[in-house]
C-alpha atoms as a PDB file:
ATOM      1  CA  MET A   1     -27.024  28.870  -8.991  1.00  0.00           C
ATOM      2  CA  VAL A   2     -29.682  26.174  -8.841  1.00  0.00           C
ATOM      3  CA  LYS A   3     -32.167  25.927  -6.001  1.00  0.00           C
ATOM      4  CA  PHE A   4     -34.540  23.040  -5.377  1.00  0.00           C
ATOM      5  CA  ILE A   5     -37.730  23.606  -3.431  1.00  0.00           C
ATOM      6  CA  LEU A   6     -39.939  20.599  -2.811  1.00  0.00           C
ATOM      7  CA  THR A   7     -43.267  21.493  -1.254  1.00  0.00           C
ATOM      8  CA  LEU A   8     -46.706  19.962  -1.136  1.00  0.00           C
ATOM      9  CA  GLY A   9     -49.999  21.431  -0.066  1.00  0.00           C
ATOM     10  CA  LEU A  10     -53.648  21.657  -1.041  1.00  0.00           C
ATOM     11  CA  LEU A  11     -56.255  24.288  -0.243  1.00  0.00           C
ATOM     12  CA  SER A  12     -59.723  25.123  -1.542  1.00  0.00           C
ATOM     13  CA  LEU A  13     -61.134  28.455  -2.641  1.00  0.00           C
ATOM     14  CA  PHE A  14     -64.413  29.346  -4.270  1.00  0.00           C
ATOM     15  CA  GLY A  15     -64.977  31.547  -7.322  1.00  0.00           C
ATOM     16  CA  CYS A  16     -67.668  34.192  -7.504  1.00  0.00           C
ATOM     17  CA  SER A  17     -70.063  31.679  -9.124  1.00  0.00           C
ATOM     18  CA  GLY A  18     -69.561  29.160  -6.317  1.00  0.00           C
ATOM     19  CA  GLN A  19     -67.161  27.083  -8.416  1.00  0.00           C
ATOM     20  CA  GLU A  20     -64.581  25.389  -6.196  1.00  0.00           C
ATOM     21  CA  VAL A  21     -61.116  26.718  -7.033  1.00  0.00           C
ATOM     22  CA  HIS A  22     -58.142  24.398  -6.636  1.00  0.00           C
ATOM     23  CA  THR A  23     -54.968  25.846  -5.162  1.00  0.00           C
ATOM     24  CA  ALA A  24     -51.685  24.322  -4.021  1.00  0.00           C
ATOM     25  CA  LYS A  25     -48.003  25.076  -3.557  1.00  0.00           C
ATOM     26  CA  SER A  26     -45.472  24.355  -6.261  1.00  0.00           C
ATOM     27  CA  THR A  27     -44.014  20.850  -6.301  1.00  0.00           C
ATOM     28  CA  LEU A  28     -40.628  21.961  -7.646  1.00  0.00           C
ATOM     29  CA  ALA A  29     -38.715  25.217  -8.140  1.00  0.00           C
ATOM     30  CA  LEU A  30     -35.405  25.814  -9.937  1.00  0.00           C
ATOM     31  CA  SER A  31     -33.421  29.039 -10.093  1.00  0.00           C
ATOM     32  CA  HIS A  32     -32.404  29.908 -13.668  1.00  0.00           C
ATOM     33  CA  SER A  33     -30.864  33.288 -12.851  1.00  0.00           C
ATOM     34  CA  ASP A  34     -29.557  35.084  -9.781  1.00  0.00           C
ATOM     35  CA  LYS A  35     -30.498  38.436 -11.340  1.00  0.00           C
ATOM     36  CA  ILE A  36     -33.803  40.157 -12.045  1.00  0.00           C
ATOM     37  CA  VAL A  37     -35.049  38.699 -15.328  1.00  0.00           C
ATOM     38  CA  THR A  38     -36.107  41.073 -18.111  1.00  0.00           C
ATOM     39  CA  ALA A  39     -37.728  38.405 -20.296  1.00  0.00           C
ATOM     40  CA  SER A  40     -38.511  34.704 -20.120  1.00  0.00           C
ATOM     41  CA  ALA A  41     -40.248  32.261 -22.456  1.00  0.00           C
ATOM     42  CA  LEU A  42     -41.184  28.650 -21.831  1.00  0.00           C
ATOM     43  CA  SER A  43     -41.460  26.239 -24.748  1.00  0.00           C
ATOM     44  CA  LYS A  44     -45.013  25.161 -25.512  1.00  0.00           C
ATOM     45  CA  ASP A  45     -44.357  21.704 -24.031  1.00  0.00           C
ATOM     46  CA  GLY A  46     -42.711  23.163 -20.920  1.00  0.00           C
ATOM     47  CA  LYS A  47     -39.388  21.412 -21.584  1.00  0.00           C
ATOM     48  CA  PHE A  48     -37.251  24.529 -22.149  1.00  0.00           C
ATOM     49  CA  ASN A  49     -36.944  27.959 -20.560  1.00  0.00           C
ATOM     50  CA  LEU A  50     -35.295  30.903 -22.349  1.00  0.00           C
ATOM     51  CA  VAL A  51     -34.132  33.549 -19.858  1.00  0.00           C
ATOM     52  CA  ALA A  52     -32.763  37.071 -20.452  1.00  0.00           C
ATOM     53  CA  ASP A  53     -31.349  38.971 -17.462  1.00  0.00           C
ATOM     54  CA  GLY A  54     -29.446  41.883 -19.001  1.00  0.00           C
ATOM     55  CA  LYS A  55     -26.087  40.084 -18.965  1.00  0.00           C
ATOM     56  CA  SER A  56     -26.963  36.907 -20.850  1.00  0.00           C
ATOM     57  CA  VAL A  57     -29.718  35.073 -22.694  1.00  0.00           C
ATOM     58  CA  CYS A  58     -29.612  31.434 -21.608  1.00  0.00           C
ATOM     59  CA  LEU A  59     -31.538  28.383 -22.722  1.00  0.00           C
ATOM     60  CA  TRP A  60     -32.331  25.866 -19.984  1.00  0.00           C
ATOM     61  CA  LYS A  61     -33.605  22.339 -20.333  1.00  0.00           C
ATOM     62  CA  ASN A  62     -36.015  22.103 -17.440  1.00  0.00           C
ATOM     63  CA  SER A  63     -35.202  18.460 -16.692  1.00  0.00           C
ATOM     64  CA  GLN A  64     -31.519  19.396 -16.238  1.00  0.00           C
ATOM     65  CA  SER A  65     -30.766  21.864 -13.489  1.00  0.00           C
ATOM     66  CA  LYS A  66     -26.992  22.274 -13.134  1.00  0.00           C
ATOM     67  CA  SER A  67     -26.258  24.583 -16.076  1.00  0.00           C
ATOM     68  CA  PRO A  68     -27.929  26.018 -19.200  1.00  0.00           C
ATOM     69  CA  LEU A  69     -27.663  24.304 -22.573  1.00  0.00           C
ATOM     70  CA  ASN A  70     -26.172  27.457 -24.115  1.00  0.00           C
ATOM     71  CA  CYS A  71     -26.033  31.224 -23.632  1.00  0.00           C
ATOM     72  CA  LEU A  72     -25.721  34.414 -25.628  1.00  0.00           C
ATOM     73  CA  ARG A  73     -23.456  37.017 -24.044  1.00  0.00           C
ATOM     74  CA  GLY A  74     -21.964  40.395 -24.879  1.00  0.00           C
ATOM     75  CA  ASN A  75     -23.714  42.591 -27.450  1.00  0.00           C
ATOM     76  CA  GLU A  76     -26.143  39.816 -28.456  1.00  0.00           C
ATOM     77  CA  ALA A  77     -27.539  39.751 -24.909  1.00  0.00           C
ATOM     78  CA  LYS A  78     -27.700  43.484 -24.195  1.00  0.00           C
ATOM     79  CA  PHE A  79     -31.063  45.197 -23.640  1.00  0.00           C
ATOM     80  CA  ILE A  80     -33.102  42.090 -24.561  1.00  0.00           C
ATOM     81  CA  GLU A  81     -36.724  42.599 -23.475  1.00  0.00           C
ATOM     82  CA  ILE A  82     -38.605  40.017 -25.582  1.00  0.00           C
ATOM     83  CA  VAL A  83     -37.825  36.326 -26.139  1.00  0.00           C
ATOM     84  CA  GLU A  84     -39.833  33.517 -27.764  1.00  0.00           C
ATOM     85  CA  LEU A  85     -39.468  29.828 -28.674  1.00  0.00           C
ATOM     86  CA  SER A  86     -41.021  28.053 -31.658  1.00  0.00           C
ATOM     87  CA  LYS A  87     -43.399  25.209 -30.787  1.00  0.00           C
ATOM     88  CA  ASN A  88     -41.252  22.613 -32.579  1.00  0.00           C
ATOM     89  CA  ASN A  89     -38.321  23.525 -30.279  1.00  0.00           C
ATOM     90  CA  GLN A  90     -36.084  24.249 -33.275  1.00  0.00           C
ATOM     91  CA  PHE A  91     -35.754  28.045 -33.022  1.00  0.00           C
ATOM     92  CA  TYR A  92     -35.742  30.913 -30.551  1.00  0.00           C
ATOM     93  CA  LEU A  93     -35.808  34.666 -31.034  1.00  0.00           C
ATOM     94  CA  THR A  94     -34.640  37.693 -29.075  1.00  0.00           C
ATOM     95  CA  SER A  95     -35.455  41.390 -29.394  1.00  0.00           C
ATOM     96  CA  ASN A  96     -34.387  44.692 -27.853  1.00  0.00           C
ATOM     97  CA  ARG A  97     -37.647  46.166 -29.284  1.00  0.00           C
ATOM     98  CA  VAL A  98     -35.813  47.510 -32.352  1.00  0.00           C
ATOM     99  CA  LEU A  99     -33.908  44.510 -33.717  1.00  0.00           C
ATOM    100  CA  VAL A 100     -35.154  40.906 -33.953  1.00  0.00           C
ATOM    101  CA  ARG A 101     -32.726  37.976 -34.099  1.00  0.00           C
ATOM    102  CA  LEU A 102     -33.629  34.346 -34.809  1.00  0.00           C
ATOM    103  CA  TYR A 103     -31.350  31.512 -33.647  1.00  0.00           C
ATOM    104  CA  SER A 104     -31.231  27.772 -34.079  1.00  0.00           C
ATOM    105  CA  LEU A 105     -31.988  26.077 -30.788  1.00  0.00           C
ATOM    106  CA  LEU A 106     -29.928  23.053 -31.831  1.00  0.00           C
ATOM    107  CA  ASN A 107     -26.586  24.800 -32.411  1.00  0.00           C
ATOM    108  CA  ASN A 108     -27.187  28.350 -31.127  1.00  0.00           C
ATOM    109  CA  GLN A 109     -26.273  29.806 -34.541  1.00  0.00           C
ATOM    110  CA  LEU A 110     -27.853  33.003 -35.865  1.00  0.00           C
ATOM    111  CA  VAL A 111     -30.434  32.265 -38.586  1.00  0.00           C
ATOM    112  CA  GLY A 112     -31.406  35.840 -39.422  1.00  0.00           C
ATOM    113  CA  GLU A 113     -31.959  39.343 -38.088  1.00  0.00           C
ATOM    114  CA  TRP A 114     -34.397  42.094 -39.019  1.00  0.00           C
ATOM    115  CA  GLN A 115     -35.041  45.732 -38.193  1.00  0.00           C
ATOM    116  CA  VAL A 116     -38.150  47.465 -39.488  1.00  0.00           C
ATOM    117  CA  ALA A 117     -37.449  51.185 -39.996  1.00  0.00           C
ATOM    118  CA  ASP A 118     -37.914  53.224 -36.801  1.00  0.00           C
ATOM    119  CA  ASN A 119     -40.784  51.155 -35.431  1.00  0.00           C
ATOM    120  CA  ILE A 120     -40.677  50.156 -31.748  1.00  0.00           C
ATOM    121  CA  ILE A 121     -41.777  46.571 -31.109  1.00  0.00           C
ATOM    122  CA  ASN A 122     -44.338  45.964 -28.365  1.00  0.00           C
ATOM    123  CA  ASP A 123     -44.888  42.233 -28.837  1.00  0.00           C
ATOM    124  CA  ILE A 124     -43.737  39.256 -30.937  1.00  0.00           C
ATOM    125  CA  ASP A 125     -44.959  35.760 -31.750  1.00  0.00           C
ATOM    126  CA  ILE A 126     -43.540  32.965 -33.912  1.00  0.00           C
ATOM    127  CA  SER A 127     -45.249  30.165 -35.848  1.00  0.00           C
ATOM    128  CA  ALA A 128     -44.940  26.564 -34.679  1.00  0.00           C
ATOM    129  CA  ASP A 129     -42.275  25.676 -37.258  1.00  0.00           C
ATOM    130  CA  GLY A 130     -40.382  28.978 -36.897  1.00  0.00           C
ATOM    131  CA  SER A 131     -40.962  30.008 -40.520  1.00  0.00           C
ATOM    132  CA  LEU A 132     -43.103  33.087 -39.739  1.00  0.00           C
ATOM    133  CA  ILE A 133     -42.631  35.897 -37.194  1.00  0.00           C
ATOM    134  CA  LEU A 134     -45.310  38.435 -36.237  1.00  0.00           C
ATOM    135  CA  LEU A 135     -44.360  41.858 -34.839  1.00  0.00           C
ATOM    136  CA  GLY A 136     -46.730  44.387 -33.273  1.00  0.00           C
ATOM    137  CA  PHE A 137     -45.533  48.006 -33.163  1.00  0.00           C
ATOM    138  CA  ARG A 138     -46.289  51.106 -31.096  1.00  0.00           C
ATOM    139  CA  SER A 139     -47.247  52.809 -34.354  1.00  0.00           C
ATOM    140  CA  GLY A 140     -50.247  50.480 -34.779  1.00  0.00           C
ATOM    141  CA  LYS A 141     -48.565  48.717 -37.686  1.00  0.00           C
ATOM    142  CA  ALA A 142     -47.783  45.007 -37.806  1.00  0.00           C
ATOM    143  CA  SER A 143     -45.036  43.159 -39.671  1.00  0.00           C
ATOM    144  CA  VAL A 144     -44.989  39.587 -40.896  1.00  0.00           C
ATOM    145  CA  ILE A 145     -41.518  38.142 -41.491  1.00  0.00           C
ATOM    146  CA  ASP A 146     -41.272  35.163 -43.829  1.00  0.00           C
ATOM    147  CA  VAL A 147     -38.031  33.619 -42.578  1.00  0.00           C
ATOM    148  CA  THR A 148     -37.593  31.234 -45.516  1.00  0.00           C
ATOM    149  CA  LYS A 149     -37.908  34.005 -48.110  1.00  0.00           C
ATOM    150  CA  ASN A 150     -36.280  36.657 -45.894  1.00  0.00           C
ATOM    151  CA  LYS A 151     -39.276  38.851 -46.740  1.00  0.00           C
ATOM    152  CA  VAL A 152     -40.855  41.496 -44.476  1.00  0.00           C
ATOM    153  CA  THR A 153     -44.433  42.653 -45.129  1.00  0.00           C
ATOM    154  CA  ILE A 154     -45.855  45.617 -43.210  1.00  0.00           C
ATOM    155  CA  PHE A 155     -49.595  46.007 -42.606  1.00  0.00           C
ATOM    156  CA  ASP A 156     -51.261  49.185 -41.323  1.00  0.00           C
ATOM    157  CA  LYS A 157     -53.682  47.447 -38.931  1.00  0.00           C
ATOM    158  CA  HIS A 158     -54.534  49.692 -35.963  1.00  0.00           C
ATOM    159  CA  ARG A 159     -54.873  53.414 -35.303  1.00  0.00           C
ATOM    160  CA  LEU A 160     -52.892  53.226 -32.027  1.00  0.00           C
ATOM    161  CA  ASP A 161     -50.303  50.985 -30.350  1.00  0.00           C
ATOM    162  CA  ILE A 162     -50.497  47.238 -30.854  1.00  0.00           C
ATOM    163  CA  ASN A 163     -50.078  45.932 -27.307  1.00  0.00           C
ATOM    164  CA  SER A 164     -50.315  42.182 -27.870  1.00  0.00           C
ATOM    165  CA  VAL A 165     -50.016  39.703 -30.747  1.00  0.00           C
ATOM    166  CA  SER A 166     -50.694  35.973 -31.137  1.00  0.00           C
ATOM    167  CA  LEU A 167     -50.263  33.575 -34.079  1.00  0.00           C
ATOM    168  CA  SER A 168     -52.023  30.340 -34.964  1.00  0.00           C
ATOM    169  CA  ASP A 169     -49.626  27.394 -35.166  1.00  0.00           C
ATOM    170  CA  ASP A 170     -49.552  27.403 -38.972  1.00  0.00           C
ATOM    171  CA  GLY A 171     -48.874  31.153 -39.035  1.00  0.00           C
ATOM    172  CA  GLN A 172     -51.889  31.828 -41.261  1.00  0.00           C
ATOM    173  CA  LEU A 173     -53.929  33.785 -38.691  1.00  0.00           C
ATOM    174  CA  ALA A 174     -52.800  36.764 -36.608  1.00  0.00           C
ATOM    175  CA  PHE A 175     -54.664  38.073 -33.558  1.00  0.00           C
ATOM    176  CA  THR A 176     -53.729  41.611 -32.485  1.00  0.00           C
ATOM    177  CA  GLY A 177     -54.941  43.841 -29.652  1.00  0.00           C
ATOM    178  CA  SER A 178     -54.536  47.615 -29.621  1.00  0.00           C
ATOM    179  CA  SER A 179     -54.999  50.826 -27.662  1.00  0.00           C
ATOM    180  CA  ASP A 180     -57.618  51.750 -30.284  1.00  0.00           C
ATOM    181  CA  LYS A 181     -59.973  49.443 -28.274  1.00  0.00           C
ATOM    182  CA  LYS A 182     -60.051  46.791 -30.982  1.00  0.00           C
ATOM    183  CA  ALA A 183     -58.823  43.250 -31.399  1.00  0.00           C
ATOM    184  CA  MET A 184     -58.417  42.027 -34.961  1.00  0.00           C
ATOM    185  CA  LEU A 185     -58.221  38.546 -36.437  1.00  0.00           C
ATOM    186  CA  TRP A 186     -56.559  38.722 -39.840  1.00  0.00           C
ATOM    187  CA  GLN A 187     -54.782  36.718 -42.515  1.00  0.00           C
ATOM    188  CA  THR A 188     -51.008  37.044 -42.453  1.00  0.00           C
ATOM    189  CA  GLN A 189     -50.659  36.484 -46.210  1.00  0.00           C
ATOM    190  CA  THR A 190     -52.969  39.322 -47.221  1.00  0.00           C
ATOM    191  CA  GLY A 191     -53.635  41.430 -44.121  1.00  0.00           C
ATOM    192  CA  ILE A 192     -57.390  41.013 -44.722  1.00  0.00           C
ATOM    193  CA  ASN A 193     -59.515  41.069 -41.547  1.00  0.00           C
ATOM    194  CA  LYS A 194     -61.691  38.091 -40.700  1.00  0.00           C
ATOM    195  CA  HIS A 195     -63.184  39.654 -37.554  1.00  0.00           C
ATOM    196  CA  VAL A 196     -62.876  42.916 -35.627  1.00  0.00           C
ATOM    197  CA  PHE A 197     -63.856  42.859 -31.940  1.00  0.00           C
ATOM    198  CA  SER A 198     -64.646  46.153 -30.182  1.00  0.00           C
ATOM    199  CA  HIS A 199     -63.928  46.693 -26.465  1.00  0.00           C
ATOM    200  CA  GLY A 200     -64.663  49.314 -23.821  1.00  0.00           C
ATOM    201  CA  SER A 201     -61.013  50.303 -23.372  1.00  0.00           C
ATOM    202  CA  ARG A 202     -57.581  49.538 -24.800  1.00  0.00           C
ATOM    203  CA  VAL A 203     -56.929  45.864 -25.498  1.00  0.00           C
ATOM    204  CA  ASN A 204     -53.859  44.847 -23.519  1.00  0.00           C
ATOM    205  CA  HIS A 205     -53.737  41.113 -24.178  1.00  0.00           C
ATOM    206  CA  VAL A 206     -54.817  38.596 -26.820  1.00  0.00           C
ATOM    207  CA  SER A 207     -54.326  34.851 -27.210  1.00  0.00           C
ATOM    208  CA  ILE A 208     -55.268  32.399 -29.966  1.00  0.00           C
ATOM    209  CA  SER A 209     -55.600  28.616 -29.875  1.00  0.00           C
ATOM    210  CA  ALA A 210     -53.174  26.455 -31.848  1.00  0.00           C
ATOM    211  CA  ASP A 211     -55.715  25.836 -34.632  1.00  0.00           C
ATOM    212  CA  GLY A 212     -56.929  29.443 -34.727  1.00  0.00           C
ATOM    213  CA  THR A 213     -60.548  28.662 -33.807  1.00  0.00           C
ATOM    214  CA  VAL A 214     -60.729  30.076 -30.250  1.00  0.00           C
ATOM    215  CA  GLY A 215     -59.436  33.404 -28.983  1.00  0.00           C
ATOM    216  CA  PHE A 216     -59.234  35.413 -25.773  1.00  0.00           C
ATOM    217  CA  THR A 217     -59.046  39.179 -25.296  1.00  0.00           C
ATOM    218  CA  LEU A 218     -58.487  41.296 -22.182  1.00  0.00           C
ATOM    219  CA  ASP A 219     -58.946  45.050 -22.104  1.00  0.00           C
ATOM    220  CA  ALA A 220     -57.689  47.552 -19.535  1.00  0.00           C
ATOM    221  CA  ILE A 221     -60.828  47.729 -17.402  1.00  0.00           C
ATOM    222  CA  GLU A 222     -63.347  44.883 -17.480  1.00  0.00           C
ATOM    223  CA  ASP A 223     -63.804  43.123 -20.837  1.00  0.00           C
ATOM    224  CA  SER A 224     -62.292  39.613 -20.675  1.00  0.00           C
ATOM    225  CA  THR A 225     -63.803  37.505 -23.420  1.00  0.00           C
ATOM    226  CA  PHE A 226     -63.492  34.098 -25.040  1.00  0.00           C
ATOM    227  CA  TRP A 227     -64.385  34.195 -28.748  1.00  0.00           C
ATOM    228  CA  ASN A 228     -65.374  31.655 -31.360  1.00  0.00           C
ATOM    229  CA  LEU A 229     -63.001  32.861 -34.059  1.00  0.00           C
ATOM    230  CA  SER A 230     -64.769  30.941 -36.799  1.00  0.00           C
ATOM    231  CA  SER A 231     -68.110  32.707 -36.281  1.00  0.00           C
ATOM    232  CA  GLY A 232     -67.005  35.792 -34.344  1.00  0.00           C
ATOM    233  CA  ASP A 233     -69.450  34.971 -31.523  1.00  0.00           C
ATOM    234  CA  VAL A 234     -68.803  35.332 -27.792  1.00  0.00           C
ATOM    235  CA  LEU A 235     -68.233  32.034 -26.009  1.00  0.00           C
ATOM    236  CA  ALA A 236     -67.949  33.360 -22.437  1.00  0.00           C
ATOM    237  CA  GLU A 237     -66.620  36.119 -20.193  1.00  0.00           C
ATOM    238  CA  LEU A 238     -64.229  35.454 -17.323  1.00  0.00           C
ATOM    239  CA  ASP A 239     -66.312  34.762 -14.213  1.00  0.00           C
ATOM    240  CA  THR A 240     -64.736  37.339 -11.927  1.00  0.00           C
ATOM    241  CA  TYR A 241     -65.647  40.555 -10.146  1.00  0.00           C
ATOM    242  CA  LEU A 242     -62.127  41.905 -10.573  1.00  0.00           C
ATOM    243  CA  ARG A 243     -61.443  44.925 -12.742  1.00  0.00           C
ATOM    244  CA  PHE A 244     -58.162  46.438 -13.948  1.00  0.00           C
ATOM    245  CA  PHE A 245     -56.301  43.132 -13.953  1.00  0.00           C
ATOM    246  CA  GLU A 246     -53.535  42.069 -16.331  1.00  0.00           C
ATOM    247  CA  PHE A 247     -52.092  38.980 -17.985  1.00  0.00           C
ATOM    248  CA  ASN A 248     -48.453  38.779 -19.042  1.00  0.00           C
ATOM    249  CA  GLU A 249     -49.134  35.575 -20.926  1.00  0.00           C
ATOM    250  CA  SER A 250     -51.913  33.078 -21.518  1.00  0.00           C
ATOM    251  CA  VAL A 251     -52.040  29.761 -23.390  1.00  0.00           C
ATOM    252  CA  PHE A 252     -54.894  27.465 -24.362  1.00  0.00           C
ATOM    253  CA  SER A 253     -54.772  23.793 -23.448  1.00  0.00           C
ATOM    254  CA  PRO A 254     -54.361  21.438 -26.424  1.00  0.00           C
ATOM    255  CA  ASP A 255     -58.080  20.541 -26.300  1.00  0.00           C
ATOM    256  CA  LYS A 256     -59.050  24.254 -25.955  1.00  0.00           C
ATOM    257  CA  SER A 257     -61.104  23.523 -22.815  1.00  0.00           C
ATOM    258  CA  THR A 258     -58.998  25.720 -20.498  1.00  0.00           C
ATOM    259  CA  LEU A 259     -56.817  28.824 -20.578  1.00  0.00           C
ATOM    260  CA  LEU A 260     -53.744  29.139 -18.351  1.00  0.00           C
ATOM    261  CA  SER A 261     -52.691  32.696 -17.464  1.00  0.00           C
ATOM    262  CA  GLY A 262     -49.773  34.367 -15.668  1.00  0.00           C
ATOM    263  CA  SER A 263     -50.011  37.850 -14.180  1.00  0.00           C
ATOM    264  CA  PRO A 264     -47.763  40.659 -12.892  1.00  0.00           C
ATOM    265  CA  ARG A 265     -49.042  39.885  -9.380  1.00  0.00           C
ATOM    266  CA  GLN A 266     -47.248  36.531  -9.040  1.00  0.00           C
ATOM    267  CA  VAL A 267     -50.471  34.640  -9.801  1.00  0.00           C
ATOM    268  CA  LEU A 268     -51.213  31.779 -12.202  1.00  0.00           C
ATOM    269  CA  GLN A 269     -54.857  30.983 -12.970  1.00  0.00           C
ATOM    270  CA  LEU A 270     -56.689  28.257 -14.863  1.00  0.00           C
ATOM    271  CA  TRP A 271     -59.955  29.271 -16.564  1.00  0.00           C
ATOM    272  CA  ARG A 272     -62.637  27.135 -18.223  1.00  0.00           C
ATOM    273  CA  VAL A 273     -63.347  28.350 -21.747  1.00  0.00           C
ATOM    274  CA  SER A 274     -66.999  27.249 -21.973  1.00  0.00           C
ATOM    275  CA  ASP A 275     -68.228  29.463 -19.108  1.00  0.00           C
ATOM    276  CA  GLY A 276     -65.211  31.512 -17.926  1.00  0.00           C
ATOM    277  CA  ALA A 277     -65.109  29.817 -14.510  1.00  0.00           C
ATOM    278  CA  LEU A 278     -61.909  30.021 -12.463  1.00  0.00           C
ATOM    279  CA  LEU A 279     -60.849  26.421 -11.826  1.00  0.00           C
ATOM    280  CA  ALA A 280     -57.450  26.809 -10.152  1.00  0.00           C
ATOM    281  CA  GLN A 281     -55.115  29.468  -8.817  1.00  0.00           C
ATOM    282  CA  TRP A 282     -51.475  29.288  -7.735  1.00  0.00           C
ATOM    283  CA  GLN A 283     -49.109  31.818  -6.136  1.00  0.00           C
ATOM    284  CA  SER A 284     -45.585  32.073  -7.519  1.00  0.00           C
ATOM    285  CA  GLU A 285     -42.804  32.373  -4.945  1.00  0.00           C
ATOM    286  CA  ILE A 286     -41.143  35.746  -4.397  1.00  0.00           C
ATOM    287  CA  THR A 287     -37.384  35.562  -3.831  1.00  0.00           C
ATOM    288  CA  LYS A 288     -36.096  39.016  -4.829  1.00  0.00           C
ATOM    289  CA  GLY A 289     -38.977  41.350  -4.110  1.00  0.00           C
ATOM    290  CA  ARG A 290     -42.116  41.906  -6.166  1.00  0.00           C
ATOM    291  CA  SER A 291     -42.139  39.139  -8.756  1.00  0.00           C
ATOM    292  CA  SER A 292     -44.100  38.835 -11.995  1.00  0.00           C
ATOM    293  CA  VAL A 293     -45.106  35.629 -13.793  1.00  0.00           C
ATOM    294  CA  LEU A 294     -43.610  36.073 -17.260  1.00  0.00           C
ATOM    295  CA  SER A 295     -44.419  32.757 -18.963  1.00  0.00           C
ATOM    296  CA  VAL A 296     -46.651  29.711 -18.468  1.00  0.00           C
ATOM    297  CA  ALA A 297     -47.017  26.350 -20.208  1.00  0.00           C
ATOM    298  CA  TYR A 298     -48.873  23.062 -19.958  1.00  0.00           C
ATOM    299  CA  GLN A 299     -46.565  20.096 -19.340  1.00  0.00           C
ATOM    300  CA  GLY A 300     -48.427  16.975 -20.396  1.00  0.00           C
ATOM    301  CA  ASN A 301     -51.905  16.353 -19.004  1.00  0.00           C
ATOM    302  CA  SER A 302     -51.097  16.585 -15.305  1.00  0.00           C
ATOM    303  CA  GLN A 303     -48.704  19.507 -14.784  1.00  0.00           C
ATOM    304  CA  ILE A 304     -48.022  23.128 -15.637  1.00  0.00           C
ATOM    305  CA  VAL A 305     -44.853  25.200 -15.368  1.00  0.00           C
ATOM    306  CA  SER A 306     -44.212  28.909 -14.881  1.00  0.00           C
ATOM    307  CA  ALA A 307     -41.226  31.245 -15.105  1.00  0.00           C
ATOM    308  CA  ASN A 308     -41.080  34.486 -13.143  1.00  0.00           C
ATOM    309  CA  SER A 309     -39.014  37.674 -13.079  1.00  0.00           C
ATOM    310  CA  ASP A 310     -36.982  36.410 -10.107  1.00  0.00           C
ATOM    311  CA  GLY A 311     -35.501  33.778 -12.429  1.00  0.00           C
ATOM    312  CA  LEU A 312     -37.521  31.006 -10.828  1.00  0.00           C
ATOM    313  CA  LEU A 313     -38.994  28.111 -12.769  1.00  0.00           C
ATOM    314  CA  GLU A 314     -41.831  26.420 -10.875  1.00  0.00           C
ATOM    315  CA  GLN A 315     -43.822  23.263 -11.509  1.00  0.00           C
ATOM    316  CA  TRP A 316     -47.425  22.801 -10.409  1.00  0.00           C
ATOM    317  CA  GLN A 317     -49.865  19.899 -10.316  1.00  0.00           C
ATOM    318  CA  LEU A 318     -53.050  20.304 -12.362  1.00  0.00           C
ATOM    319  CA  PRO A 319     -56.283  19.396 -10.585  1.00  0.00           C
ATOM    320  CA  LYS A 320     -58.509  16.626 -11.871  1.00  0.00           C
ATOM    321  CA  LEU A 321     -61.237  18.570 -13.577  1.00  0.00           C
ATOM    322  CA  ARG A 322     -64.855  17.530 -13.307  1.00  0.00           C
ATOM    323  CA  ALA A 323     -67.213  17.884 -16.217  1.00  0.00           C
ATOM    324  CA  LYS A 324     -69.355  21.006 -16.104  1.00  0.00           C
ATOM    325  CA  ASN A 325     -72.848  20.328 -14.750  1.00  0.00           C
END
């Protein structure tokens, strides 16, 4: 079923620093599943949406709304809780938290599959060209899969669960966040740490820029920090009074000036990296009950897209950003 929702609207809010916060309704919404979605991943350019709903894993081209490009069904689609797309739009992966499968986006053929002992996977990322896969486990260990060589390397990185992982585009740098209250930036070839960042509570979310020079970490209570990953210095903290908030996903803009985030509370937010100011906020539509924003992406210079757990893909207009005074 495909649903079109065309709405326009513009409101103004103000952040805690007095920064005006842009907000508006979505300009377009498409239904990509009539079931509750267990996992969804947008391509980095916002052109594709990979959706798992317990019965199927379907790849949608967001400019075409009538039917998906292809689907996995049967055993390949059962219990899938994590999906990802490579930045070059050549590969996608699925996982039931025990097994990882990599497919060609072009012909939907299986490229490879891996299972790492009895480890339970908490999070996955894939390099831009699809040649490297990073797994973060509940055991605190991390695995790097070299797809070309079919080689799996396990690193003992954290004392407790790895909750979130993020890879630089070239796959050379891994950023991992753990319940041991640390975020680590490390080399995927050797496992050697470049920086270790301590937090007040468990680190639930990390994100790294495409070139591996800027990072973001969010802990369970109040630490929400932008980092210069070259020097290890703090760039800014999120300018908010909120505590105990969560991100399902966040992505840096290509110029690293903003961070786009999606949360379990149906909210998308746009943050300025230089000072942590909230620049824009949007509310995802709820169609089946309490909905969660599962994936977000920039779409060119003027739009963003989001995918939520109700199976809804939404498109939003970016505000024209003024230079910081």
